[in-house]
């Protein structure tokens, strides 16, 4: 029985095979699976460029669409055919910001079929294409971000790839100049930044015009690139000096104000030269911009042209910039000389009926001088007068009657006179000594002489040197200074 079942099964399979062969037309020839080629007409794609892509099949196909394609670094329009499905075309647009030299389009042939509905087999790749759509980019680094007088900074410009066409003309510098551009690889460039002189600015930058550079793919940069910020202070501090009181006389002082263009350090009195005066220590209450000190004029000076001179190199601003040159204050006059005087009595031996011219000569013109300032020993003085503006004064000395004194002086109280600056004199001034002998001699009558008044006869010999020679029959007075006076009566023998 088992053998019979096996024979039956074999007959059934044979019948099925025969039936299938009978259903297939004996006169039909079936084609192989369709094949394809992919060709690009532009294999170097840059910014703004595209490429026509042609898909050529071995026979007309259907079902070709974007889903059957792999397109690296680009996008492809939907393929279209104008010849019934053998030749298809599309446009490839490269992606932006790409640098890739190896790219192919890949077709999955299993996505298409021929007219007999035979599907393709395997994959087809295009010829290679390059995509250079990356624009060059840059970074700019200023190494020293605080630039003062005499300082420079290295600047480093680093590109994303090697570039050409880059020059200093592509750089704009705020408040500075850039020079010495150099590179070893066309990727990293260095240059030197020098700040502008006389500038204070906290916000500055270097700006690159990226359109001035090009990468190896021929793409220009776009837009601009800014460096990090850097500060510039290349302004030297300057000063103004004001002496408040420009006319200094005896006993007066003046405040002096030093105003700088900015806060400074290192300023001391050692940085100052003061004409005909001394200056106290300088001090500031506002952080170093305004400083004050007290000026005291030198005694005994008459000078209308004076100033205080600052050596600016001794000061620095906060950035470390030193001043330069010197600064002078406004002019001030120093009139601290007090008037002095000499008094000369022309005739130093005054007897009855005689007078003498007295000349009072001051060191400079004075005012306020009158006879009340004078003490006249054993005499009277006429009103003092000046004919030269107050320098030289004269008067007439008349001796007092009935005086016999060999040492006399005229004394001036100097504080009663003032010079043009208002300075009063100091102390006293004495004249040269003069003698006054105005005592009348005693009258005698003798029988042989007629009676009547006799003219006074001055028989006294005087000396103020301490030495005297007295002739026979005369009296004498010898003096030495005010305190020593010796009288010698008449009738003594001739003696020294």
Protein backbone atom coordinates (compact mmCIF):
# COMPACT_ATOMS: atom_id res chain seq x y z
CA UNK A 1 0.00 0.00 0.00
CA UNK A 2 2.75 2.39 0.78
CA UNK A 3 4.26 1.83 -2.62
CA UNK A 4 0.99 2.70 -4.31
CA UNK A 5 0.75 5.99 -2.43
CA UNK A 6 4.17 7.02 -3.60
CA UNK A 7 3.32 6.26 -7.25
CA UNK A 8 0.19 8.39 -6.92
CA UNK A 9 2.06 11.37 -5.50
CA UNK A 10 4.65 11.25 -8.26
CA UNK A 11 1.94 11.24 -10.93
CA UNK A 12 0.30 14.31 -9.27
CA UNK A 13 3.52 16.40 -9.30
CA UNK A 14 4.24 15.45 -12.88
CA UNK A 15 0.78 16.58 -13.89
CA UNK A 16 1.23 19.98 -12.21
CA UNK A 17 4.53 20.61 -14.00
CA UNK A 18 3.01 19.64 -17.31
CA UNK A 19 0.12 21.99 -16.69
CA UNK A 20 2.37 24.95 -15.97
CA UNK A 21 4.38 24.36 -19.10
CA UNK A 22 1.22 24.26 -21.08
CA UNK A 23 0.10 27.71 -19.71
CA UNK A 24 3.30 29.56 -20.88
CA UNK A 25 3.16 30.56 -24.54
CA UNK A 26 5.78 28.68 -26.42
CA UNK A 27 6.56 31.61 -28.80
CA UNK A 28 7.35 34.39 -26.14
CA UNK A 29 11.00 35.48 -25.34
CA UNK A 30 11.52 37.17 -21.91
CA UNK A 31 14.29 39.99 -21.47
CA UNK A 32 16.85 40.25 -18.69
CA UNK A 33 16.58 42.78 -15.80
CA UNK A 34 17.15 46.46 -16.84
CA UNK A 35 20.57 48.05 -16.24
CA UNK A 36 21.59 51.74 -15.94
CA UNK A 37 24.37 54.30 -16.07
CA UNK A 38 24.51 57.68 -14.23
CA UNK A 39 26.43 60.59 -15.70
CA UNK A 40 27.06 64.08 -14.27
CA UNK A 41 28.00 66.91 -16.60
CA UNK A 42 29.59 69.06 -13.85
CA UNK A 43 31.77 67.25 -11.39
CA UNK A 44 33.11 70.39 -9.57
CA UNK A 45 30.32 72.03 -7.64
CA UNK A 46 30.86 75.38 -5.97
CA UNK A 47 28.54 77.92 -4.43
CA UNK A 48 25.88 78.83 -6.97
CA UNK A 49 26.63 76.00 -9.39
CA UNK A 50 24.52 72.91 -10.25
CA UNK A 51 24.96 69.81 -12.36
CA UNK A 52 22.70 67.97 -14.80
CA UNK A 53 22.44 64.29 -13.90
CA UNK A 54 21.48 61.79 -16.65
CA UNK A 55 20.18 58.30 -15.87
CA UNK A 56 20.35 56.05 -18.96
CA UNK A 57 18.67 52.62 -18.80
CA UNK A 58 19.16 49.61 -21.07
CA UNK A 59 15.47 49.78 -21.87
CA UNK A 60 12.45 51.79 -20.95
CA UNK A 61 11.70 51.60 -17.25
CA UNK A 62 9.12 52.87 -14.89
CA UNK A 63 9.04 53.60 -11.18
CA UNK A 64 12.20 55.76 -11.03
CA UNK A 65 11.86 58.42 -8.31
CA UNK A 66 13.91 60.20 -5.68
CA UNK A 67 13.40 57.43 -3.19
CA UNK A 68 15.55 55.15 -5.34
CA UNK A 69 18.52 57.52 -5.12
CA UNK A 70 21.17 58.35 -2.56
CA UNK A 71 22.67 61.84 -3.10
CA UNK A 72 25.53 62.84 -0.74
CA UNK A 73 26.05 66.56 -0.01
CA UNK A 74 23.32 67.71 -2.36
CA UNK A 75 19.69 67.57 -3.38
CA UNK A 76 18.26 66.24 -6.65
CA UNK A 77 15.13 67.28 -8.43
CA UNK A 78 12.64 64.53 -9.44
CA UNK A 79 13.98 62.64 -12.47
CA UNK A 80 11.94 63.06 -15.66
CA UNK A 81 12.05 61.26 -19.02
CA UNK A 82 11.14 62.58 -22.42
CA UNK A 83 11.78 59.42 -24.43
CA UNK A 84 9.46 56.92 -22.84
CA UNK A 85 11.56 55.95 -19.91
CA UNK A 86 15.00 55.11 -21.26
CA UNK A 87 16.71 58.43 -20.50
CA UNK A 88 15.93 60.37 -17.35
CA UNK A 89 17.38 63.72 -16.20
CA UNK A 90 17.48 65.66 -12.96
CA UNK A 91 19.37 68.65 -11.51
CA UNK A 92 21.79 68.30 -8.60
CA UNK A 93 22.22 71.30 -6.27
CA UNK A 94 25.09 70.99 -3.78
CA UNK A 95 24.49 71.57 -0.10
CA UNK A 96 26.00 74.72 1.43
CA UNK A 97 29.04 74.87 3.67
CA UNK A 98 30.48 71.60 2.35
CA UNK A 99 34.05 70.73 1.46
CA UNK A 100 34.13 67.15 0.16
CA UNK A 101 36.09 65.87 -2.81
CA UNK A 102 34.51 62.37 -2.98
CA UNK A 103 30.83 62.03 -3.77
CA UNK A 104 28.71 59.69 -6.00
CA UNK A 105 24.98 59.32 -6.65
CA UNK A 106 23.77 55.76 -6.01
CA UNK A 107 20.71 54.20 -7.71
CA UNK A 108 18.96 51.24 -6.17
CA UNK A 109 17.99 49.39 -9.38
CA UNK A 110 15.42 47.35 -7.51
CA UNK A 111 13.18 50.41 -7.59
CA UNK A 112 12.63 50.30 -11.37
CA UNK A 113 11.14 47.69 -13.71
CA UNK A 114 10.93 47.22 -17.44
CA UNK A 115 7.85 46.78 -19.54
CA UNK A 116 7.77 43.10 -18.64
CA UNK A 117 7.74 44.14 -15.01
CA UNK A 118 11.16 42.79 -14.51
CA UNK A 119 12.88 44.77 -11.74
CA UNK A 120 16.45 45.87 -11.83
CA UNK A 121 19.13 44.18 -9.84
CA UNK A 122 21.84 45.67 -7.61
CA UNK A 123 23.02 49.32 -7.56
CA UNK A 124 24.49 51.81 -10.03
CA UNK A 125 26.81 54.69 -9.07
CA UNK A 126 27.54 57.90 -10.90
CA UNK A 127 30.91 59.29 -11.77
CA UNK A 128 32.59 61.16 -8.84
CA UNK A 129 31.83 64.81 -8.13
CA UNK A 130 33.42 67.32 -5.75
CA UNK A 131 31.49 69.76 -3.53
CA UNK A 132 33.18 72.98 -2.42
CA UNK A 133 30.47 75.19 -1.03
CA UNK A 134 32.11 76.09 2.30
CA UNK A 135 33.05 79.75 2.59
CA UNK A 136 36.25 80.56 4.43
CA UNK A 137 35.72 81.71 8.02
CA UNK A 138 38.09 83.47 10.37
CA UNK A 139 38.77 84.30 13.99
CA UNK A 140 40.83 87.33 15.04
CA UNK A 141 42.59 87.50 18.41
CA UNK A 142 44.35 90.61 19.77
CA UNK A 143 46.84 89.32 22.32
CA UNK A 144 47.27 92.48 24.44
CA UNK A 145 43.92 94.06 25.13
CA UNK A 146 45.25 97.14 26.99
CA UNK A 147 47.43 99.32 24.79
CA UNK A 148 49.24 102.38 26.09
CA UNK A 149 51.96 104.70 24.77
CA UNK A 150 54.82 102.71 23.26
CA UNK A 151 53.01 99.36 23.37
CA UNK A 152 51.99 97.13 20.44
CA UNK A 153 50.14 93.81 20.27
CA UNK A 154 50.37 90.70 18.13
CA UNK A 155 47.21 89.93 16.20
CA UNK A 156 46.45 86.37 15.04
CA UNK A 157 43.98 85.77 12.18
CA UNK A 158 43.07 82.09 11.81
CA UNK A 159 41.01 80.87 8.83
CA UNK A 160 38.95 77.70 8.64
CA UNK A 161 41.03 76.59 5.65
CA UNK A 162 43.83 77.86 3.45
CA UNK A 163 42.92 81.08 1.69
CA UNK A 164 44.30 83.33 -0.99
CA UNK A 165 44.00 87.05 -1.61
CA UNK A 166 44.23 88.08 2.05
CA UNK A 167 46.04 91.41 2.58
CA UNK A 168 46.11 94.22 5.13
CA UNK A 169 43.63 96.07 2.93
CA UNK A 170 40.98 93.58 4.06
CA UNK A 171 41.33 94.75 7.68
CA UNK A 172 39.81 97.82 9.32
CA UNK A 173 41.31 98.86 12.68
CA UNK A 174 39.60 101.13 15.19
CA UNK A 175 42.07 103.68 16.60
CA UNK A 176 45.18 101.92 15.38
CA UNK A 177 47.22 100.62 12.48
CA UNK A 178 48.18 97.05 11.60
CA UNK A 179 51.29 95.96 9.75
CA UNK A 180 53.80 93.11 9.21
CA UNK A 181 51.25 90.54 7.97
CA UNK A 182 52.83 87.10 7.64
CA UNK A 183 51.86 83.41 7.27
CA UNK A 184 53.51 80.04 6.82
CA UNK A 185 50.49 78.02 5.72
CA UNK A 186 47.88 80.50 4.42
CA UNK A 187 45.66 79.42 7.32
CA UNK A 188 47.18 81.23 10.29
CA UNK A 189 48.35 84.82 9.81
CA UNK A 190 50.03 87.15 12.28
CA UNK A 191 50.36 90.93 12.29
CA UNK A 192 51.34 93.74 14.65
CA UNK A 193 48.85 96.29 16.00
CA UNK A 194 50.02 99.80 16.92
CA UNK A 195 47.52 102.06 18.72
CA UNK A 196 46.84 105.60 17.56
CA UNK A 197 48.67 108.27 19.57
CA UNK A 198 46.60 110.70 21.62
CA UNK A 199 43.57 108.45 21.93
CA UNK A 200 41.55 107.18 24.87
CA UNK A 201 38.92 104.61 23.88
CA UNK A 202 37.70 101.60 25.83
CA UNK A 203 35.96 99.88 22.91
CA UNK A 204 37.99 99.04 19.80
CA UNK A 205 38.19 96.15 17.35
CA UNK A 206 39.75 94.88 14.15
CA UNK A 207 37.23 93.98 11.42
CA UNK A 208 37.94 91.61 8.53
CA UNK A 209 36.04 91.95 5.25
CA UNK A 210 35.66 88.26 4.45
CA UNK A 211 34.89 88.98 0.81
CA UNK A 212 38.55 89.78 0.31
CA UNK A 213 39.65 86.18 0.82
CA UNK A 214 39.02 83.02 -1.18
CA UNK A 215 39.47 79.34 -0.37
CA UNK A 216 40.85 76.65 -2.67
CA UNK A 217 37.35 75.91 -3.91
CA UNK A 218 37.19 79.44 -5.27
CA UNK A 219 34.58 80.57 -2.75
CA UNK A 220 34.85 84.03 -1.27
CA UNK A 221 34.12 84.73 2.33
CA UNK A 222 30.94 86.53 3.25
CA UNK A 223 30.18 89.26 5.76
CA UNK A 224 32.69 90.49 8.32
CA UNK A 225 34.57 89.07 11.28
CA UNK A 226 35.41 91.11 14.39
CA UNK A 227 38.29 90.62 16.79
CA UNK A 228 38.01 90.60 20.55
CA UNK A 229 37.77 94.04 22.13
CA UNK A 230 40.88 96.00 23.11
CA UNK A 231 41.26 99.26 25.04
CA UNK A 232 43.52 102.15 24.03
CA UNK A 233 44.92 104.87 26.27
CA UNK A 234 47.69 106.73 24.50
CA UNK A 235 46.88 110.17 25.90
CA UNK A 236 49.53 111.67 28.15
CA UNK A 237 48.25 113.51 31.23
CA UNK A 238 48.37 117.29 30.99
CA UNK A 239 48.05 119.91 33.70
CA UNK A 240 46.90 123.44 34.40
CA UNK A 241 48.37 125.43 37.32
CA UNK A 242 46.55 128.40 38.84
CA UNK A 243 48.04 130.67 41.51
CA UNK A 244 44.97 132.24 43.13
CA UNK A 245 46.64 135.43 44.40
CA UNK A 246 48.89 136.84 41.72
CA UNK A 247 50.31 139.67 43.87
CA UNK A 248 52.13 138.42 46.96
CA UNK A 249 53.39 140.87 49.53
CA UNK A 250 54.79 140.59 53.04
CA UNK A 251 52.75 138.18 55.16
CA UNK A 252 50.57 136.93 52.30
CA UNK A 253 50.28 133.40 50.89
CA UNK A 254 48.31 131.95 48.00
CA UNK A 255 46.55 128.67 47.27
CA UNK A 256 47.84 126.94 44.16
CA UNK A 257 45.60 124.51 42.28
CA UNK A 258 46.96 121.83 39.93
CA UNK A 259 44.25 120.38 37.68
CA UNK A 260 45.16 117.36 35.55
CA UNK A 261 43.35 116.08 32.48
CA UNK A 262 42.84 112.78 34.31
CA UNK A 263 43.73 111.16 37.61
CA UNK A 264 47.50 110.90 38.11
CA UNK A 265 49.90 109.21 40.47
CA UNK A 266 53.45 109.99 41.54
CA UNK A 267 52.88 113.75 41.85
CA UNK A 268 54.91 115.40 44.64
CA UNK A 269 56.42 118.79 45.37
CA UNK A 270 59.69 117.45 43.97
CA UNK A 271 58.16 117.74 40.49
CA UNK A 272 57.79 121.51 40.91
CA UNK A 273 60.10 124.49 40.54
CA UNK A 274 58.89 127.56 42.42
CA UNK A 275 60.25 131.01 41.59
CA UNK A 276 60.85 133.21 44.65
CA UNK A 277 58.77 131.13 46.97
CA UNK A 278 58.22 127.81 48.68
CA UNK A 279 55.32 125.42 48.24
CA UNK A 280 53.76 123.18 50.85
CA UNK A 281 53.01 119.51 50.20
CA UNK A 282 50.53 118.88 47.36
CA UNK A 283 47.38 116.92 48.18
CA UNK A 284 44.30 115.66 46.35
CA UNK A 285 40.78 114.91 47.60
CA UNK A 286 39.22 113.65 44.36
CA UNK A 287 41.36 110.69 43.45
CA UNK A 288 44.24 112.52 41.81
CA UNK A 289 42.70 114.97 39.35
CA UNK A 290 42.82 118.20 41.38
CA UNK A 291 45.68 118.95 43.78
CA UNK A 292 46.29 121.96 46.01
CA UNK A 293 49.21 123.47 47.93
CA UNK A 294 50.06 126.74 49.67
CA UNK A 295 52.61 129.14 48.15
CA UNK A 296 54.64 131.30 50.53
CA UNK A 297 56.72 134.05 48.89
CA UNK A 298 60.39 134.50 49.70
CA UNK A 299 61.12 137.49 51.95
CA UNK A 300 62.97 140.51 50.56
CA UNK A 301 62.04 140.02 46.90
CA UNK A 302 60.81 142.52 44.35
CA UNK A 303 60.04 140.62 41.18
CA UNK A 304 57.02 141.05 38.95
CA UNK A 305 57.60 137.92 36.83
CA UNK A 306 57.38 134.54 38.53
CA UNK A 307 55.76 131.20 37.88
CA UNK A 308 55.60 127.64 39.13
CA UNK A 309 56.88 125.02 36.67
CA UNK A 310 55.76 121.39 36.69
CA UNK A 311 57.97 118.66 35.24
CA UNK A 312 55.26 116.51 33.66
CA UNK A 313 57.53 113.48 33.32
CA UNK A 314 57.21 112.91 37.05
CA UNK A 315 53.53 111.99 36.87
CA UNK A 316 51.64 109.03 35.38
CA UNK A 317 48.01 108.41 34.54
CA UNK A 318 46.18 105.25 35.63
CA UNK A 319 47.20 103.51 32.40
CA UNK A 320 50.88 104.23 33.16
CA UNK A 321 51.41 106.98 30.60
CA UNK A 322 53.89 109.60 31.79
CA UNK A 323 53.46 113.27 31.07
CA UNK A 324 55.87 115.08 28.79
CA UNK A 325 57.50 118.51 28.84
CA UNK A 326 56.69 121.15 31.41
CA UNK A 327 53.67 123.20 32.46
CA UNK A 328 53.87 126.77 33.81
CA UNK A 329 51.43 128.47 36.11
CA UNK A 330 49.99 131.90 35.54
CA UNK A 331 52.37 134.71 36.43
CA UNK A 332 52.51 136.03 39.95
CA UNK A 333 54.37 139.02 41.42
CA UNK A 334 56.40 138.84 44.59
CA UNK A 335 56.80 142.13 46.43
CA UNK A 336 58.11 141.19 49.82
CA UNK A 337 60.91 143.80 50.00
CA UNK A 338 60.31 146.37 52.77
CA UNK A 339 61.39 149.95 52.17
CA UNK A 340 64.61 151.06 53.83
CA UNK A 341 66.04 154.56 54.21
CA UNK A 342 69.18 156.60 54.77
CA UNK A 343 69.11 160.05 56.38
CA UNK A 344 71.89 162.53 55.74
CA UNK A 345 72.26 165.83 57.60
CA UNK A 346 74.37 167.96 55.29
CA UNK A 347 75.82 170.36 57.92
CA UNK A 348 76.76 168.44 61.04
CA UNK A 349 77.81 171.49 63.07
CA UNK A 350 74.85 173.71 63.82
CA UNK A 351 75.22 176.92 65.70
CA UNK A 352 72.94 179.86 66.22
CA UNK A 353 71.56 181.10 62.95
CA UNK A 354 72.60 178.10 60.93
CA UNK A 355 70.37 175.46 59.27
CA UNK A 356 71.04 172.28 57.34
CA UNK A 357 69.43 170.43 54.46
CA UNK A 358 68.35 166.94 55.49
CA UNK A 359 67.94 164.31 52.75
CA UNK A 360 65.96 161.14 53.40
CA UNK A 361 66.52 158.58 50.59
CA UNK A 362 64.39 155.43 50.44
CA UNK A 363 65.20 152.19 48.66
CA UNK A 364 62.07 152.72 46.56
CA UNK A 365 59.21 155.14 46.26
CA UNK A 366 57.14 155.30 49.45
CA UNK A 367 53.89 156.78 50.54
CA UNK A 368 52.55 157.86 53.92
CA UNK A 369 55.76 159.57 54.87
CA UNK A 370 55.45 162.78 56.83
CA UNK A 371 57.14 164.61 59.71
CA UNK A 372 55.17 162.61 62.26
CA UNK A 373 57.41 159.65 61.37
CA UNK A 374 60.50 161.62 62.41
CA UNK A 375 62.04 162.42 65.78
CA UNK A 376 64.45 165.38 65.63
CA UNK A 377 66.93 165.81 68.47
CA UNK A 378 67.40 169.47 69.50
CA UNK A 379 65.94 170.89 66.37
CA UNK A 380 62.92 171.27 64.19
CA UNK A 381 62.38 170.08 60.67
CA UNK A 382 60.35 171.70 57.95
CA UNK A 383 57.79 169.60 56.13
CA UNK A 384 59.39 166.81 54.15
CA UNK A 385 58.94 167.00 50.36
CA UNK A 386 59.75 164.79 47.37
CA UNK A 387 60.22 165.78 43.76
CA UNK A 388 60.94 162.32 42.29
CA UNK A 389 57.82 160.37 43.15
CA UNK A 390 58.64 159.47 46.72
CA UNK A 391 62.16 158.09 46.64
CA UNK A 392 64.10 161.13 47.79
CA UNK A 393 62.71 163.56 50.36
CA UNK A 394 64.24 166.77 51.71
CA UNK A 395 63.60 169.15 54.60
CA UNK A 396 65.43 171.90 56.45
CA UNK A 397 66.79 171.33 59.96
CA UNK A 398 66.82 174.33 62.30
CA UNK A 399 68.69 173.80 65.58
CA UNK A 400 67.01 174.54 68.86
CA UNK A 401 68.18 177.68 70.72
CA UNK A 402 70.25 177.57 73.91
CA UNK A 403 71.46 174.02 73.34
CA UNK A 404 74.94 172.79 73.75
CA UNK A 405 75.04 169.19 72.65
CA UNK A 406 77.51 167.62 70.35
CA UNK A 407 75.63 164.38 69.47
CA UNK A 408 72.20 164.50 67.93
CA UNK A 409 70.40 162.35 65.37
CA UNK A 410 67.14 162.37 63.43
CA UNK A 411 65.23 159.10 63.87
CA UNK A 412 62.74 157.67 61.34
CA UNK A 413 60.06 155.16 62.35
CA UNK A 414 60.12 152.98 59.19
CA UNK A 415 56.72 151.42 59.83
CA UNK A 416 55.13 154.75 59.01
CA UNK A 417 56.01 154.45 55.33
CA UNK A 418 54.87 151.92 52.72
CA UNK A 419 56.13 151.01 49.26
CA UNK A 420 54.05 150.58 46.13
CA UNK A 421 53.19 146.99 47.10
CA UNK A 422 51.86 148.16 50.46
CA UNK A 423 54.75 146.77 52.47
CA UNK A 424 55.58 148.92 55.50
CA UNK A 425 59.11 149.53 56.63
CA UNK A 426 60.49 147.88 59.71
CA UNK A 427 62.46 149.20 62.66
CA UNK A 428 64.10 152.64 62.76
CA UNK A 429 66.65 154.54 60.74
CA UNK A 430 69.00 157.17 62.22
CA UNK A 431 70.77 160.01 60.50
CA UNK A 432 74.41 160.78 60.78
CA UNK A 433 75.16 162.66 64.06
CA UNK A 434 75.15 166.43 64.17
CA UNK A 435 76.07 168.92 66.95
CA UNK A 436 73.97 171.76 68.21
CA UNK A 437 75.72 174.64 69.98
CA UNK A 438 73.35 177.51 70.22
CA UNK A 439 74.15 178.75 73.81
CA UNK A 440 74.85 182.55 73.81
CA UNK A 441 78.15 183.65 75.53
CA UNK A 442 77.95 185.77 78.76
CA UNK A 443 78.40 189.50 78.06
CA UNK A 444 80.92 191.54 80.15
CA UNK A 445 81.77 195.30 80.14
CA UNK A 446 85.10 196.91 80.87
CA UNK A 447 85.90 200.54 81.60
CA UNK A 448 87.76 200.83 78.38
CA UNK A 449 84.94 199.42 76.39
CA UNK A 450 81.73 201.10 75.67
CA UNK A 451 78.70 199.52 77.19
CA UNK A 452 76.11 197.81 74.95
CA UNK A 453 75.04 194.38 73.70
CA UNK A 454 77.61 192.11 72.14
CA UNK A 455 77.01 189.54 69.41
CA UNK A 456 77.21 185.97 70.63
CA UNK A 457 80.58 184.44 70.12
CA UNK A 458 80.90 180.70 69.70
CA UNK A 459 84.17 179.88 71.51
CA UNK A 460 83.46 176.15 71.87
CA UNK A 461 85.45 173.56 69.93
CA UNK A 462 83.54 170.31 69.33
CA UNK A 463 84.57 166.84 68.24
CA UNK A 464 82.56 163.66 67.66
CA UNK A 465 85.56 161.41 67.03
CA UNK A 466 86.74 161.11 70.59
CA UNK A 467 89.77 163.36 69.98
CA UNK A 468 89.99 167.17 70.28
CA UNK A 469 92.60 169.94 70.26
CA UNK A 470 91.50 173.06 72.17
CA UNK A 471 93.24 176.36 71.45
CA UNK A 472 94.12 178.63 74.34
CA UNK A 473 91.13 180.43 75.75
CA UNK A 474 88.44 178.19 74.21
CA UNK A 475 86.22 175.62 75.75
CA UNK A 476 85.54 172.23 74.15
CA UNK A 477 83.16 169.29 73.97
CA UNK A 478 84.31 165.85 72.83
CA UNK A 479 81.85 163.00 72.31
CA UNK A 480 81.90 159.39 71.28
CA UNK A 481 78.43 158.13 70.51
CA UNK A 482 75.39 159.19 72.43
CA UNK A 483 76.46 158.19 75.88
CA UNK A 484 79.99 159.62 76.17
CA UNK A 485 80.38 163.42 76.25
CA UNK A 486 83.17 165.39 77.93
CA UNK A 487 83.11 169.17 78.42
CA UNK A 488 86.37 171.07 78.76
CA UNK A 489 86.06 174.57 80.25
CA UNK A 490 87.80 177.60 78.71
CA UNK A 491 91.07 178.81 80.20
CA UNK A 492 92.67 175.38 80.49
CA UNK A 493 96.12 175.16 79.02
CA UNK A 494 96.45 174.04 75.39
CA UNK A 495 95.89 170.31 75.50
CA UNK A 496 94.77 167.33 73.51
